[in-house]
């Protein structure tokens, strides 16, 4: 498992030369509705085990939550489940709002 800061992820997403990762948001639906990184897919943390088959085995997955704790646990679970290109967004959407998109609502 790797880690990425919001500014690094933003640069990656804006780079037309790079393949885009799956942005896996593991927060609860109400949190996802409040704010999210554009292009994110909502799969709440407790639904991950039942939806593993929906995740790309060979693609990069950036796991996102509010502060980076839930996403760290999900990333570790995915790593132990055989996914090899897992990246945790350090600081979550809270850090994203501070470092990459100051217009994003926070909670």
Protein backbone atom coordinates (compact mmCIF):
# COMPACT_ATOMS: atom_id res chain seq x y z
CA UNK A 1 0.00 0.00 0.00
CA UNK A 2 1.16 3.50 -0.82
CA UNK A 3 0.11 6.94 0.41
CA UNK A 4 -0.53 10.13 -1.55
CA UNK A 5 -1.04 13.74 -0.50
CA UNK A 6 -3.94 15.74 -1.97
CA UNK A 7 -1.69 18.03 -4.05
CA UNK A 8 -0.01 14.98 -5.61
CA UNK A 9 -3.37 13.38 -6.40
CA UNK A 10 -4.66 16.62 -7.92
CA UNK A 11 -1.60 16.85 -10.18
CA UNK A 12 -2.10 13.21 -11.21
CA UNK A 13 -5.78 13.72 -12.03
CA UNK A 14 -4.97 16.83 -14.08
CA UNK A 15 -2.17 15.12 -16.05
CA UNK A 16 -3.54 14.05 -19.46
CA UNK A 17 -0.56 11.72 -19.95
CA UNK A 18 -1.39 9.52 -16.97
CA UNK A 19 -4.11 6.91 -16.63
CA UNK A 20 -6.63 7.91 -13.99
CA UNK A 21 -7.01 5.79 -10.86
CA UNK A 22 -10.30 4.60 -9.46
CA UNK A 23 -11.28 7.03 -6.68
CA UNK A 24 -12.93 4.83 -4.06
CA UNK A 25 -14.73 6.88 -1.41
CA UNK A 26 -15.49 4.71 1.63
CA UNK A 27 -17.41 7.30 3.68
CA UNK A 28 -21.09 7.01 4.52
CA UNK A 29 -23.63 8.17 1.90
CA UNK A 30 -24.49 11.37 3.81
CA UNK A 31 -20.80 12.30 3.86
CA UNK A 32 -20.43 11.60 0.14
CA UNK A 33 -23.43 13.84 -0.57
CA UNK A 34 -21.91 16.65 1.51
CA UNK A 35 -18.66 16.78 -0.45
CA UNK A 36 -16.60 14.56 -2.72
CA UNK A 37 -13.73 14.58 -5.15
CA UNK A 38 -15.10 14.68 -8.68
CA UNK A 39 -15.16 11.23 -10.24
CA UNK A 40 -15.24 9.35 -6.93
CA UNK A 41 -17.26 6.17 -6.54
CA UNK A 42 -19.12 5.73 -3.26
CA UNK A 43 -18.78 2.33 -1.57
CA UNK A 44 -19.20 2.72 2.21
CA UNK A 45 -16.56 0.96 4.27
CA UNK A 46 -18.89 -1.75 5.55
CA UNK A 47 -19.91 -2.64 1.96
CA UNK A 48 -16.39 -3.24 0.66
CA UNK A 49 -16.16 -7.02 1.34
CA UNK A 50 -19.39 -7.71 -0.56
CA UNK A 51 -18.35 -5.56 -3.52
CA UNK A 52 -14.73 -6.65 -4.08
CA UNK A 53 -15.60 -8.04 -7.52
CA UNK A 54 -16.52 -4.50 -8.65
CA UNK A 55 -13.00 -3.20 -8.02
CA UNK A 56 -10.28 -3.37 -10.69
CA UNK A 57 -7.69 -6.02 -9.79
CA UNK A 58 -5.04 -4.55 -12.09
CA UNK A 59 -5.78 -0.82 -11.85
CA UNK A 60 -4.71 1.76 -9.32
CA UNK A 61 -7.25 2.50 -6.60
CA UNK A 62 -7.05 5.60 -4.42
CA UNK A 63 -9.04 5.03 -1.23
CA UNK A 64 -10.65 8.15 0.27
CA UNK A 65 -12.44 8.99 3.53
CA UNK A 66 -12.84 12.05 5.77
CA UNK A 67 -9.42 12.18 7.47
CA UNK A 68 -7.58 9.15 6.08
CA UNK A 69 -8.19 6.65 8.88
CA UNK A 70 -11.06 4.59 7.45
CA UNK A 71 -9.42 4.67 4.04
CA UNK A 72 -6.18 3.37 5.59
CA UNK A 73 -8.04 0.38 7.07
CA UNK A 74 -9.86 -0.31 3.79
CA UNK A 75 -6.60 0.01 1.84
CA UNK A 76 -4.94 -2.47 4.18
CA UNK A 77 -7.91 -4.85 3.78
CA UNK A 78 -7.69 -4.56 -0.02
CA UNK A 79 -3.95 -5.18 0.09
CA UNK A 80 -4.53 -8.35 2.15
CA UNK A 81 -7.26 -9.34 -0.34
CA UNK A 82 -4.80 -9.43 -3.23
CA UNK A 83 -5.09 -5.92 -4.66
CA UNK A 84 -1.58 -4.62 -5.34
CA UNK A 85 -2.04 -1.04 -6.57
CA UNK A 86 -3.74 0.50 -3.54
CA UNK A 87 -3.10 4.10 -2.48
CA UNK A 88 -4.46 5.82 0.62
CA UNK A 89 -5.29 9.54 0.38
CA UNK A 90 -3.46 10.95 3.39
CA UNK A 91 -5.70 13.38 5.29
CA UNK A 92 -8.81 12.45 3.29
CA UNK A 93 -11.27 14.95 1.86
CA UNK A 94 -10.55 17.28 4.75
CA UNK A 95 -6.94 17.67 3.57
CA UNK A 96 -8.14 17.76 -0.05
CA UNK A 97 -10.29 20.81 0.78
CA UNK A 98 -7.33 22.52 2.46
CA UNK A 99 -4.58 21.61 -0.02
CA UNK A 100 -6.21 20.98 -3.40
CA UNK A 101 -9.70 22.52 -3.57
CA UNK A 102 -10.47 25.31 -1.08
CA UNK A 103 -13.98 25.65 -2.59
CA UNK A 104 -14.97 22.20 -1.37
CA UNK A 105 -17.42 22.23 1.56
CA UNK A 106 -16.10 20.74 4.79
CA UNK A 107 -17.72 19.15 7.81
